[in-house]
Amino acid sequence: MRPSPSRLGKALLVVALVAVAAFAVGPTAERKLLGKAPPSVTTISDVGQLAAAVDRDTGAPRLVVIFSPT
């Protein structure tokens, strides 16, 4: 027996709302419950510092932003 379209739509809406709430609250709850500090911004002035940072945090996600005046 197939669920009615209106029931299916409501179920999808509930699933979407739960997913959005989990995404919005997840990082905050993790910091409060587990005591984890948020990631910080690091200024790197040469390639050796970049290599050391990458080697130190193996397996951690990274965002590398390069600002150039030209």
Protein backbone atom coordinates (compact mmCIF):
# COMPACT_ATOMS: atom_id res chain seq x y z
CA MET A 1 0.00 0.00 0.00
CA ARG A 2 1.44 3.35 -1.06
CA PRO A 3 1.34 6.35 1.27
CA SER A 4 -0.78 9.25 0.07
CA PRO A 5 1.07 12.14 -1.59
CA SER A 6 0.16 14.52 1.23
CA ARG A 7 1.54 12.12 3.86
CA LEU A 8 4.72 11.62 1.87
CA GLY A 9 5.15 15.38 1.53
CA LYS A 10 4.72 15.88 5.26
CA ALA A 11 7.23 13.12 6.01
CA LEU A 12 9.79 14.68 3.67
CA LEU A 13 9.23 18.08 5.28
CA VAL A 14 9.83 16.63 8.74
CA VAL A 15 13.00 14.89 7.58
CA ALA A 16 14.26 18.11 5.97
CA LEU A 17 13.54 20.15 9.11
CA VAL A 18 15.34 17.63 11.33
CA ALA A 19 18.35 17.65 9.00
CA VAL A 20 18.52 21.47 9.00
CA ALA A 21 18.19 21.59 12.80
CA ALA A 22 20.93 18.97 13.25
CA PHE A 23 23.23 20.87 10.88
CA ALA A 24 22.58 24.19 12.64
CA VAL A 25 22.91 22.92 16.22
CA GLY A 26 25.47 20.14 15.71
CA PRO A 27 28.72 22.15 15.84
CA THR A 28 27.52 24.22 18.80
CA ALA A 29 26.42 21.15 20.75
CA GLU A 30 29.71 19.42 20.00
CA ARG A 31 31.67 22.34 21.44
CA LYS A 32 29.48 22.57 24.54
CA LEU A 33 29.20 18.84 25.26
CA LEU A 34 32.68 17.69 24.27
CA GLY A 35 34.62 20.86 25.08
CA LYS A 36 36.10 21.13 21.61
CA ALA A 37 37.44 24.52 20.59
CA PRO A 38 36.44 25.95 17.22
CA PRO A 39 39.12 25.92 14.53
CA SER A 40 41.34 28.97 14.37
CA VAL A 41 42.87 31.02 11.57
CA THR A 42 46.62 30.62 11.13
CA THR A 43 48.82 33.05 9.22
CA ILE A 44 51.57 31.25 7.29
CA SER A 45 54.43 33.17 5.73
CA ASP A 46 56.41 30.41 4.02
CA VAL A 47 55.99 26.92 2.55
CA GLY A 48 57.81 25.26 5.46
CA GLN A 49 55.14 26.47 7.89
CA LEU A 50 52.41 25.13 5.60
CA ALA A 51 54.10 21.73 5.34
CA ALA A 52 54.52 21.55 9.12
CA ALA A 53 50.85 22.43 9.70
CA VAL A 54 49.66 19.81 7.21
CA ASP A 55 51.91 17.13 8.71
CA ARG A 56 50.83 17.99 12.26
CA ASP A 57 47.08 17.62 11.64
CA THR A 58 46.90 14.54 9.43
CA GLY A 59 43.30 13.67 8.56
CA ALA A 60 41.81 17.04 9.58
CA PRO A 61 39.89 19.06 6.97
CA ARG A 62 41.58 22.28 5.85
CA LEU A 63 40.77 25.48 4.05
CA VAL A 64 43.73 27.25 2.48
CA VAL A 65 43.07 30.82 1.36
CA ILE A 66 45.74 32.71 -0.55
CA PHE A 67 45.54 36.50 -0.68
CA SER A 68 47.67 38.22 -3.29
CA PRO A 69 47.94 41.97 -3.93
CA THR A 70 48.09 41.43 -7.70
